[in-house]
Amino acid sequence: GVSYVDKILWATTYFGACRYDGRHWRGFFKQE
């Protein structure tokens, strides 16, 4: 899945999720 709002791309996978601001990616994981 993806969701684009306020120039930010949120994305999900079967192995984690992430946020992209046009330059940097930030991953999100359960272990965090």
Full PDB file with SEQRES, HELIX, SHEET, SSBOND, CRYST1, ORIGX, SCALE, CONECT and MASTER records, all heavy atoms in Angstrom:
SEQRES   1 A   32  GLY VAL SER TYR VAL ASP LYS ILE LEU TRP ALA THR THR          
SEQRES   2 A   32  TYR PHE GLY ALA CYS ARG TYR ASP GLY ARG HIS TRP ARG          
SEQRES   3 A   32  GLY PHE PHE LYS GLN GLU                                      
SHEET    1 AA1 4 VAL A   2  VAL A   5  0                                        
SHEET    2 AA1 4 ILE A   8  THR A  13 -1                                        
SHEET    3 AA1 4 GLY A  16  TYR A  20 -1                                        
SHEET    4 AA1 4 TRP A  25  PHE A  28 -1                                        
CRYST1    1.000    1.000    1.000  90.00  90.00  90.00 P 1           1          
ORIGX1      1.000000  0.000000  0.000000        0.00000                         
ORIGX2      0.000000  1.000000  0.000000        0.00000                         
ORIGX3      0.000000  0.000000  1.000000        0.00000                         
SCALE1      1.000000  0.000000  0.000000        0.00000                         
SCALE2      0.000000  1.000000  0.000000        0.00000                         
SCALE3      0.000000  0.000000  1.000000        0.00000                         
ATOM      1  N   GLY A   1       0.810  -1.208   0.000  1.00  0.00           N  
ATOM      2  CA  GLY A   1       0.000   0.000   0.000  1.00  0.00           C  
ATOM      3  C   GLY A   1       0.844   1.259   0.000  1.00  0.00           C  
ATOM      4  O   GLY A   1       1.986   1.255   0.459  1.00  0.00           O  
ATOM      5  N   VAL A   2       0.267   2.340  -0.537  1.00  0.00           N  
ATOM      6  CA  VAL A   2       0.914   3.654  -0.506  1.00  0.00           C  
ATOM      7  C   VAL A   2      -0.150   4.715  -0.222  1.00  0.00           C  
ATOM      8  O   VAL A   2      -1.325   4.530  -0.528  1.00  0.00           O  
ATOM      9  CB  VAL A   2       1.629   3.997  -1.831  1.00  0.00           C  
ATOM     10  CG1 VAL A   2       2.809   3.080  -2.056  1.00  0.00           C  
ATOM     11  CG2 VAL A   2       0.659   3.945  -2.998  1.00  0.00           C  
ATOM     12  N   SER A   3       0.297   5.813   0.384  1.00  0.00           N  
ATOM     13  CA  SER A   3      -0.587   6.932   0.648  1.00  0.00           C  
ATOM     14  C   SER A   3       0.245   8.204   0.551  1.00  0.00           C  
ATOM     15  O   SER A   3       1.263   8.333   1.237  1.00  0.00           O  
ATOM     16  CB  SER A   3      -1.223   6.807   2.039  1.00  0.00           C  
ATOM     17  OG  SER A   3      -2.140   7.854   2.283  1.00  0.00           O  
ATOM     18  N   TYR A   4      -0.188   9.131  -0.304  1.00  0.00           N  
ATOM     19  CA  TYR A   4       0.579  10.359  -0.527  1.00  0.00           C  
ATOM     20  C   TYR A   4      -0.202  11.546   0.010  1.00  0.00           C  
ATOM     21  O   TYR A   4      -1.335  11.810  -0.403  1.00  0.00           O  
ATOM     22  CB  TYR A   4       0.843  10.543  -2.022  1.00  0.00           C  
ATOM     23  CG  TYR A   4       1.755  11.704  -2.340  1.00  0.00           C  
ATOM     24  CD1 TYR A   4       3.123  11.630  -2.089  1.00  0.00           C  
ATOM     25  CD2 TYR A   4       1.230  12.874  -2.899  1.00  0.00           C  
ATOM     26  CE1 TYR A   4       3.964  12.702  -2.395  1.00  0.00           C  
ATOM     27  CE2 TYR A   4       2.067  13.949  -3.209  1.00  0.00           C  
ATOM     28  CZ  TYR A   4       3.429  13.856  -2.950  1.00  0.00           C  
ATOM     29  OH  TYR A   4       4.255  14.915  -3.242  1.00  0.00           O  
ATOM     30  N   VAL A   5       0.387  12.266   0.971  1.00  0.00           N  
ATOM     31  CA  VAL A   5      -0.282  13.415   1.569  1.00  0.00           C  
ATOM     32  C   VAL A   5       0.762  14.432   2.022  1.00  0.00           C  
ATOM     33  O   VAL A   5       1.806  14.061   2.571  1.00  0.00           O  
ATOM     34  CB  VAL A   5      -1.175  12.973   2.756  1.00  0.00           C  
ATOM     35  CG1 VAL A   5      -0.361  12.239   3.810  1.00  0.00           C  
ATOM     36  CG2 VAL A   5      -1.912  14.141   3.376  1.00  0.00           C  
ATOM     37  N   ASP A   6       0.489  15.707   1.784  1.00  0.00           N  
ATOM     38  CA  ASP A   6       1.392  16.795   2.194  1.00  0.00           C  
ATOM     39  C   ASP A   6       2.830  16.564   1.721  1.00  0.00           C  
ATOM     40  O   ASP A   6       3.789  16.767   2.471  1.00  0.00           O  
ATOM     41  CB  ASP A   6       1.371  16.957   3.723  1.00  0.00           C  
ATOM     42  CG  ASP A   6       0.020  17.420   4.242  1.00  0.00           C  
ATOM     43  OD1 ASP A   6      -0.785  17.921   3.435  1.00  0.00           O  
ATOM     44  OD2 ASP A   6      -0.227  17.279   5.461  1.00  0.00           O  
ATOM     45  N   LYS A   7       2.969  16.106   0.475  1.00  0.00           N  
ATOM     46  CA  LYS A   7       4.268  15.858  -0.147  1.00  0.00           C  
ATOM     47  C   LYS A   7       5.079  14.755   0.544  1.00  0.00           C  
ATOM     48  O   LYS A   7       6.299  14.698   0.416  1.00  0.00           O  
ATOM     49  CB  LYS A   7       5.095  17.149  -0.199  1.00  0.00           C  
ATOM     50  CG  LYS A   7       4.445  18.250  -1.032  1.00  0.00           C  
ATOM     51  CD  LYS A   7       5.319  19.487  -1.095  1.00  0.00           C  
ATOM     52  CE  LYS A   7       4.665  20.572  -1.942  1.00  0.00           C  
ATOM     53  NZ  LYS A   7       5.503  21.795  -2.025  1.00  0.00           N  
ATOM     54  N   ILE A   8       4.387  13.890   1.279  1.00  0.00           N  
ATOM     55  CA  ILE A   8       5.028  12.751   1.941  1.00  0.00           C  
ATOM     56  C   ILE A   8       4.401  11.466   1.425  1.00  0.00           C  
ATOM     57  O   ILE A   8       3.171  11.347   1.324  1.00  0.00           O  
ATOM     58  CB  ILE A   8       4.854  12.816   3.473  1.00  0.00           C  
ATOM     59  CG1 ILE A   8       5.572  14.034   4.042  1.00  0.00           C  
ATOM     60  CG2 ILE A   8       5.369  11.536   4.127  1.00  0.00           C  
ATOM     61  CD1 ILE A   8       7.077  14.020   3.872  1.00  0.00           C  
ATOM     62  N   LEU A   9       5.245  10.495   1.082  1.00  0.00           N  
ATOM     63  CA  LEU A   9       4.781   9.185   0.640  1.00  0.00           C  
ATOM     64  C   LEU A   9       4.938   8.188   1.779  1.00  0.00           C  
ATOM     65  O   LEU A   9       6.043   7.959   2.280  1.00  0.00           O  
ATOM     66  CB  LEU A   9       5.586   8.706  -0.563  1.00  0.00           C  
ATOM     67  CG  LEU A   9       5.203   7.314  -1.102  1.00  0.00           C  
ATOM     68  CD1 LEU A   9       3.812   7.348  -1.732  1.00  0.00           C  
ATOM     69  CD2 LEU A   9       6.237   6.811  -2.110  1.00  0.00           C  
ATOM     70  N   TRP A  10       3.810   7.619   2.220  1.00  0.00           N  
ATOM     71  CA  TRP A  10       3.818   6.523   3.188  1.00  0.00           C  
ATOM     72  C   TRP A  10       3.654   5.227   2.409  1.00  0.00           C  
ATOM     73  O   TRP A  10       2.816   5.151   1.508  1.00  0.00           O  
ATOM     74  CB  TRP A  10       2.675   6.670   4.187  1.00  0.00           C  
ATOM     75  CG  TRP A  10       2.669   7.962   4.964  1.00  0.00           C  
ATOM     76  CD1 TRP A  10       2.000   9.103   4.659  1.00  0.00           C  
ATOM     77  CD2 TRP A  10       3.368   8.219   6.189  1.00  0.00           C  
ATOM     78  NE1 TRP A  10       2.230  10.069   5.609  1.00  0.00           N  
ATOM     79  CE2 TRP A  10       3.062   9.557   6.563  1.00  0.00           C  
ATOM     80  CE3 TRP A  10       4.213   7.465   7.015  1.00  0.00           C  
ATOM     81  CZ2 TRP A  10       3.575  10.149   7.717  1.00  0.00           C  
ATOM     82  CZ3 TRP A  10       4.707   8.052   8.158  1.00  0.00           C  
ATOM     83  CH2 TRP A  10       4.402   9.372   8.501  1.00  0.00           C  
ATOM     84  N   ALA A  11       4.425   4.203   2.750  1.00  0.00           N  
ATOM     85  CA  ALA A  11       4.350   2.936   2.012  1.00  0.00           C  
ATOM     86  C   ALA A  11       4.483   1.757   2.963  1.00  0.00           C  
ATOM     87  O   ALA A  11       5.163   1.839   3.992  1.00  0.00           O  
ATOM     88  CB  ALA A  11       5.451   2.875   0.954  1.00  0.00           C  
ATOM     89  N   THR A  12       3.818   0.659   2.605  1.00  0.00           N  
ATOM     90  CA  THR A  12       3.870  -0.550   3.428  1.00  0.00           C  
ATOM     91  C   THR A  12       4.244  -1.760   2.578  1.00  0.00           C  
ATOM     92  O   THR A  12       3.998  -1.793   1.376  1.00  0.00           O  
ATOM     93  CB  THR A  12       2.512  -0.818   4.115  1.00  0.00           C  
ATOM     94  OG1 THR A  12       1.468  -0.802   3.118  1.00  0.00           O  
ATOM     95  CG2 THR A  12       2.226   0.225   5.173  1.00  0.00           C  
ATOM     96  N   THR A  13       4.820  -2.754   3.258  1.00  0.00           N  
ATOM     97  CA  THR A  13       5.190  -4.012   2.614  1.00  0.00           C  
ATOM     98  C   THR A  13       4.850  -5.156   3.570  1.00  0.00           C  
ATOM     99  O   THR A  13       4.345  -4.932   4.679  1.00  0.00           O  
ATOM    100  CB  THR A  13       6.699  -4.060   2.293  1.00  0.00           C  
ATOM    101  OG1 THR A  13       7.436  -4.333   3.500  1.00  0.00           O  
ATOM    102  CG2 THR A  13       7.187  -2.743   1.701  1.00  0.00           C  
ATOM    103  N   TYR A  14       5.140  -6.370   3.144  1.00  0.00           N  
ATOM    104  CA  TYR A  14       4.960  -7.529   4.018  1.00  0.00           C  
ATOM    105  C   TYR A  14       6.085  -7.666   5.039  1.00  0.00           C  
ATOM    106  O   TYR A  14       6.050  -8.539   5.902  1.00  0.00           O  
ATOM    107  CB  TYR A  14       4.874  -8.809   3.195  1.00  0.00           C  
ATOM    108  CG  TYR A  14       3.525  -9.069   2.563  1.00  0.00           C  
ATOM    109  CD1 TYR A  14       3.391  -9.956   1.501  1.00  0.00           C  
ATOM    110  CD2 TYR A  14       2.378  -8.432   3.019  1.00  0.00           C  
ATOM    111  CE1 TYR A  14       2.158 -10.210   0.914  1.00  0.00           C  
ATOM    112  CE2 TYR A  14       1.149  -8.660   2.446  1.00  0.00           C  
ATOM    113  CZ  TYR A  14       1.043  -9.554   1.395  1.00  0.00           C  
ATOM    114  OH  TYR A  14      -0.174  -9.802   0.816  1.00  0.00           O  
ATOM    115  N   PHE A  15       7.071  -6.772   4.952  1.00  0.00           N  
ATOM    116  CA  PHE A  15       8.225  -6.875   5.840  1.00  0.00           C  
ATOM    117  C   PHE A  15       8.623  -5.527   6.444  1.00  0.00           C  
ATOM    118  O   PHE A  15       9.795  -5.273   6.698  1.00  0.00           O  
ATOM    119  CB  PHE A  15       9.418  -7.486   5.092  1.00  0.00           C  
ATOM    120  CG  PHE A  15       9.164  -8.876   4.604  1.00  0.00           C  
ATOM    121  CD1 PHE A  15       8.647  -9.101   3.334  1.00  0.00           C  
ATOM    122  CD2 PHE A  15       9.419  -9.968   5.432  1.00  0.00           C  
ATOM    123  CE1 PHE A  15       8.398 -10.396   2.884  1.00  0.00           C  
ATOM    124  CE2 PHE A  15       9.181 -11.259   4.981  1.00  0.00           C  
ATOM    125  CZ  PHE A  15       8.664 -11.471   3.712  1.00  0.00           C  
ATOM    126  N   GLY A  16       7.632  -4.668   6.678  1.00  0.00           N  
ATOM    127  CA  GLY A  16       7.896  -3.370   7.279  1.00  0.00           C  
ATOM    128  C   GLY A  16       7.214  -2.248   6.521  1.00  0.00           C  
ATOM    129  O   GLY A  16       6.559  -2.468   5.496  1.00  0.00           O  
ATOM    130  N   ALA A  17       7.367  -1.032   7.027  1.00  0.00           N  
ATOM    131  CA  ALA A  17       6.754   0.139   6.408  1.00  0.00           C  
ATOM    132  C   ALA A  17       7.791   1.257   6.308  1.00  0.00           C  
ATOM    133  O   ALA A  17       8.879   1.158   6.873  1.00  0.00           O  
ATOM    134  CB  ALA A  17       5.553   0.588   7.225  1.00  0.00           C  
ATOM    135  N   CYS A  18       7.438   2.331   5.594  1.00  0.00           N  
ATOM    136  CA  CYS A  18       8.408   3.411   5.438  1.00  0.00           C  
ATOM    137  C   CYS A  18       7.729   4.726   5.086  1.00  0.00           C  
ATOM    138  O   CYS A  18       6.547   4.774   4.735  1.00  0.00           O  
ATOM    139  CB  CYS A  18       9.454   3.057   4.388  1.00  0.00           C  
ATOM    140  SG  CYS A  18       8.783   2.521   2.805  1.00  0.00           S  
ATOM    141  N   ARG A  19       8.532   5.785   5.169  1.00  0.00           N  
ATOM    142  CA  ARG A  19       8.100   7.148   4.860  1.00  0.00           C  
ATOM    143  C   ARG A  19       9.158   7.788   3.965  1.00  0.00           C  
ATOM    144  O   ARG A  19      10.354   7.680   4.231  1.00  0.00           O  
ATOM    145  CB  ARG A  19       7.954   7.951   6.158  1.00  0.00           C  
ATOM    146  CG  ARG A  19       7.601   9.435   6.006  1.00  0.00           C  
ATOM    147  CD  ARG A  19       7.649  10.086   7.391  1.00  0.00           C  
ATOM    148  NE  ARG A  19       7.185  11.468   7.401  1.00  0.00           N  
ATOM    149  CZ  ARG A  19       7.957  12.529   7.189  1.00  0.00           C  
ATOM    150  NH1 ARG A  19       9.260  12.352   6.917  1.00  0.00           N  
ATOM    151  NH2 ARG A  19       7.461  13.757   7.262  1.00  0.00           N  
ATOM    152  N   TYR A  20       8.713   8.486   2.906  1.00  0.00           N  
ATOM    153  CA  TYR A  20       9.643   9.116   1.966  1.00  0.00           C  
ATOM    154  C   TYR A  20       9.266  10.585   1.810  1.00  0.00           C  
ATOM    155  O   TYR A  20       8.120  10.912   1.494  1.00  0.00           O  
ATOM    156  CB  TYR A  20       9.585   8.414   0.623  1.00  0.00           C  
ATOM    157  CG  TYR A  20      10.519   8.974  -0.426  1.00  0.00           C  
ATOM    158  CD1 TYR A  20      11.901   9.001  -0.219  1.00  0.00           C  
ATOM    159  CD2 TYR A  20      10.015   9.468  -1.627  1.00  0.00           C  
ATOM    160  CE1 TYR A  20      12.753   9.517  -1.188  1.00  0.00           C  
ATOM    161  CE2 TYR A  20      10.865   9.976  -2.606  1.00  0.00           C  
ATOM    162  CZ  TYR A  20      12.234  10.000  -2.374  1.00  0.00           C  
ATOM    163  OH  TYR A  20      13.080  10.511  -3.333  1.00  0.00           O  
ATOM    164  N   ASP A  21      10.228  11.478   2.067  1.00  0.00           N  
ATOM    165  CA  ASP A  21       9.938  12.905   2.005  1.00  0.00           C  
ATOM    166  C   ASP A  21      10.441  13.557   0.713  1.00  0.00           C  
ATOM    167  O   ASP A  21      10.494  14.787   0.608  1.00  0.00           O  
ATOM    168  CB  ASP A  21      10.541  13.625   3.215  1.00  0.00           C  
ATOM    169  CG  ASP A  21      12.060  13.540   3.274  1.00  0.00           C  
ATOM    170  OD1 ASP A  21      12.685  13.041   2.307  1.00  0.00           O  
ATOM    171  OD2 ASP A  21      12.635  13.956   4.299  1.00  0.00           O  
ATOM    172  N   GLY A  22      10.795  12.755  -0.261  1.00  0.00           N  
ATOM    173  CA  GLY A  22      11.310  13.275  -1.517  1.00  0.00           C  
ATOM    174  C   GLY A  22      12.823  13.194  -1.610  1.00  0.00           C  
ATOM    175  O   GLY A  22      13.401  13.321  -2.687  1.00  0.00           O  
ATOM    176  N   ARG A  23      13.450  12.947  -0.456  1.00  0.00           N  
ATOM    177  CA  ARG A  23      14.907  12.817  -0.421  1.00  0.00           C  
ATOM    178  C   ARG A  23      15.356  11.668   0.478  1.00  0.00           C  
ATOM    179  O   ARG A  23      16.269  10.934   0.129  1.00  0.00           O  
ATOM    180  CB  ARG A  23      15.536  14.121   0.072  1.00  0.00           C  
ATOM    181  CG  ARG A  23      17.052  14.108   0.067  1.00  0.00           C  
ATOM    182  CD  ARG A  23      17.626  15.455   0.464  1.00  0.00           C  
ATOM    183  NE  ARG A  23      19.089  15.449   0.432  1.00  0.00           N  
ATOM    184  CZ  ARG A  23      19.855  16.473   0.763  1.00  0.00           C  
ATOM    185  NH1 ARG A  23      19.281  17.613   1.171  1.00  0.00           N  
ATOM    186  NH2 ARG A  23      21.160  16.391   0.712  1.00  0.00           N  
ATOM    187  N   HIS A  24      14.702  11.519   1.618  1.00  0.00           N  
ATOM    188  CA  HIS A  24      15.127  10.506   2.582  1.00  0.00           C  
ATOM    189  C   HIS A  24      14.022   9.473   2.820  1.00  0.00           C  
ATOM    190  O   HIS A  24      12.840   9.807   2.891  1.00  0.00           O  
ATOM    191  CB  HIS A  24      15.495  11.157   3.929  1.00  0.00           C  
ATOM    192  CG  HIS A  24      16.604  12.147   3.833  1.00  0.00           C  
ATOM    193  ND1 HIS A  24      16.379  13.516   3.872  1.00  0.00           N  
ATOM    194  CD2 HIS A  24      17.941  11.980   3.691  1.00  0.00           C  
ATOM    195  CE1 HIS A  24      17.535  14.144   3.773  1.00  0.00           C  
ATOM    196  NE2 HIS A  24      18.499  13.245   3.653  1.00  0.00           N  
ATOM    197  N   TRP A  25      14.445   8.226   2.972  1.00  0.00           N  
ATOM    198  CA  TRP A  25      13.551   7.142   3.365  1.00  0.00           C  
ATOM    199  C   TRP A  25      13.722   6.885   4.857  1.00  0.00           C  
ATOM    200  O   TRP A  25      14.827   6.948   5.381  1.00  0.00           O  
ATOM    201  CB  TRP A  25      13.874   5.849   2.610  1.00  0.00           C  
ATOM    202  CG  TRP A  25      13.476   5.861   1.168  1.00  0.00           C  
ATOM    203  CD1 TRP A  25      14.255   6.201   0.110  1.00  0.00           C  
ATOM    204  CD2 TRP A  25      12.197   5.504   0.626  1.00  0.00           C  
ATOM    205  NE1 TRP A  25      13.556   6.082  -1.064  1.00  0.00           N  
ATOM    206  CE2 TRP A  25      12.291   5.657  -0.781  1.00  0.00           C  
ATOM    207  CE3 TRP A  25      11.000   5.075   1.182  1.00  0.00           C  
ATOM    208  CZ2 TRP A  25      11.219   5.389  -1.625  1.00  0.00           C  
ATOM    209  CZ3 TRP A  25       9.934   4.805   0.340  1.00  0.00           C  
ATOM    210  CH2 TRP A  25      10.046   4.958  -1.040  1.00  0.00           C  
ATOM    211  N   ARG A  26      12.630   6.571   5.536  1.00  0.00           N  
ATOM    212  CA  ARG A  26      12.677   6.180   6.951  1.00  0.00           C  
ATOM    213  C   ARG A  26      11.846   4.919   7.103  1.00  0.00           C  
ATOM    214  O   ARG A  26      10.651   4.892   6.794  1.00  0.00           O  
ATOM    215  CB  ARG A  26      12.116   7.295   7.832  1.00  0.00           C  
ATOM    216  CG  ARG A  26      11.799   6.905   9.269  1.00  0.00           C  
ATOM    217  CD  ARG A  26      13.043   6.614  10.102  1.00  0.00           C  
ATOM    218  NE  ARG A  26      12.765   6.662  11.527  1.00  0.00           N  
ATOM    219  CZ  ARG A  26      12.355   5.637  12.264  1.00  0.00           C  
ATOM    220  NH1 ARG A  26      12.178   4.443  11.696  1.00  0.00           N  
ATOM    221  NH2 ARG A  26      12.138   5.789  13.549  1.00  0.00           N  
ATOM    222  N   GLY A  27      12.479   3.842   7.570  1.00  0.00           N  
ATOM    223  CA  GLY A  27      11.774   2.583   7.745  1.00  0.00           C  
ATOM    224  C   GLY A  27      11.183   2.453   9.141  1.00  0.00           C  
ATOM    225  O   GLY A  27      11.687   3.040  10.104  1.00  0.00           O  
ATOM    226  N   PHE A  28      10.101   1.675   9.245  1.00  0.00           N  
ATOM    227  CA  PHE A  28       9.451   1.396  10.528  1.00  0.00           C  
ATOM    228  C   PHE A  28       9.308  -0.115  10.683  1.00  0.00           C  
ATOM    229  O   PHE A  28       8.737  -0.776   9.808  1.00  0.00           O  
ATOM    230  CB  PHE A  28       8.069   2.051  10.595  1.00  0.00           C  
ATOM    231  CG  PHE A  28       8.090   3.532  10.337  1.00  0.00           C  
ATOM    232  CD1 PHE A  28       7.600   4.035   9.140  1.00  0.00           C  
ATOM    233  CD2 PHE A  28       8.601   4.419  11.278  1.00  0.00           C  
ATOM    234  CE1 PHE A  28       7.609   5.392   8.880  1.00  0.00           C  
ATOM    235  CE2 PHE A  28       8.616   5.784  11.031  1.00  0.00           C  
ATOM    236  CZ  PHE A  28       8.116   6.272   9.833  1.00  0.00           C  
ATOM    237  N   PHE A  29       9.798  -0.638  11.808  1.00  0.00           N  
ATOM    238  CA  PHE A  29       9.773  -2.078  12.036  1.00  0.00           C  
ATOM    239  C   PHE A  29       9.314  -2.394  13.462  1.00  0.00           C  
ATOM    240  O   PHE A  29       9.494  -1.583  14.380  1.00  0.00           O  
ATOM    241  CB  PHE A  29      11.159  -2.682  11.803  1.00  0.00           C  
ATOM    242  CG  PHE A  29      11.716  -2.404  10.439  1.00  0.00           C  
ATOM    243  CD1 PHE A  29      12.563  -1.318  10.224  1.00  0.00           C  
ATOM    244  CD2 PHE A  29      11.362  -3.200   9.355  1.00  0.00           C  
ATOM    245  CE1 PHE A  29      13.064  -1.040   8.968  1.00  0.00           C  
ATOM    246  CE2 PHE A  29      11.858  -2.930   8.089  1.00  0.00           C  
ATOM    247  CZ  PHE A  29      12.711  -1.848   7.890  1.00  0.00           C  
ATOM    248  N   LYS A  30       8.748  -3.575  13.627  1.00  0.00           N  
ATOM    249  CA  LYS A  30       8.242  -3.993  14.932  1.00  0.00           C  
ATOM    250  C   LYS A  30       9.343  -3.982  15.984  1.00  0.00           C  
ATOM    251  O   LYS A  30       9.107  -3.625  17.140  1.00  0.00           O  
ATOM    252  CB  LYS A  30       7.631  -5.386  14.822  1.00  0.00           C  
ATOM    253  CG  LYS A  30       7.070  -5.903  16.141  1.00  0.00           C  
ATOM    254  CD  LYS A  30       6.488  -7.300  15.999  1.00  0.00           C  
ATOM    255  CE  LYS A  30       5.958  -7.796  17.344  1.00  0.00           C  
ATOM    256  NZ  LYS A  30       5.388  -9.163  17.220  1.00  0.00           N  
ATOM    257  N   GLN A  31      10.557  -4.379  15.611  1.00  0.00           N  
ATOM    258  CA  GLN A  31      11.648  -4.474  16.572  1.00  0.00           C  
ATOM    259  C   GLN A  31      12.018  -3.120  17.182  1.00  0.00           C  
ATOM    260  O   GLN A  31      12.609  -3.047  18.253  1.00  0.00           O  
ATOM    261  CB  GLN A  31      12.883  -5.075  15.906  1.00  0.00           C  
ATOM    262  CG  GLN A  31      13.499  -4.195  14.817  1.00  0.00           C  
ATOM    263  CD  GLN A  31      14.607  -4.889  14.064  1.00  0.00           C  
ATOM    264  OE1 GLN A  31      14.587  -6.107  13.903  1.00  0.00           O  
ATOM    265  NE2 GLN A  31      15.592  -4.125  13.596  1.00  0.00           N  
ATOM    266  N   GLU A  32      11.620  -2.019  16.523  1.00  0.00           N  
ATOM    267  CA  GLU A  32      11.870  -0.691  17.069  1.00  0.00           C  
ATOM    268  C   GLU A  32      10.893  -0.341  18.180  1.00  0.00           C  
ATOM    269  O   GLU A  32      11.102   0.616  18.917  1.00  0.00           O  
ATOM    270  CB  GLU A  32      11.778   0.358  15.971  1.00  0.00           C  
ATOM    271  CG  GLU A  32      12.841   0.217  14.891  1.00  0.00           C  
ATOM    272  CD  GLU A  32      12.663   1.241  13.794  1.00  0.00           C  
ATOM    273  OE1 GLU A  32      11.525   1.746  13.632  1.00  0.00           O  
ATOM    274  OE2 GLU A  32      13.645   1.558  13.107  1.00  0.00           O  
TER     275      GLU A  32                                                      
MASTER        0    0    0    0    4    0    0    6  274    1    0    3          
END                                                                             
